[in-house]
């Protein structure tokens, strides 16, 4: 394209003479907690979870896994159930 010149846009033909930019909003944005309280929608706060890794004999761990699966418990729920039963027995 040697020898050609670029032609600019004629902005006068667009009719933007009465255009005015929007003024910035002065309203305060609600906090996440305020929105969660009003809508009853839980916020995405970090859950109170932790992790425990147990090393032991394979037979014992397989037995625990089989019991959890057959009773349809989550690992933590079965552990809590077993700890509660143990503590009740000691009383």
Foldseek 3Di string as FASTA:
>chain_A
DPPDDDDDDDVVVVPCPVDDDDDDDPDDDDDPVVVCVVVVPDDPDDDPDDDDDDDDDPVVVVVLVVVCVVVVHDSVVVVVVVVVVVVVVVD
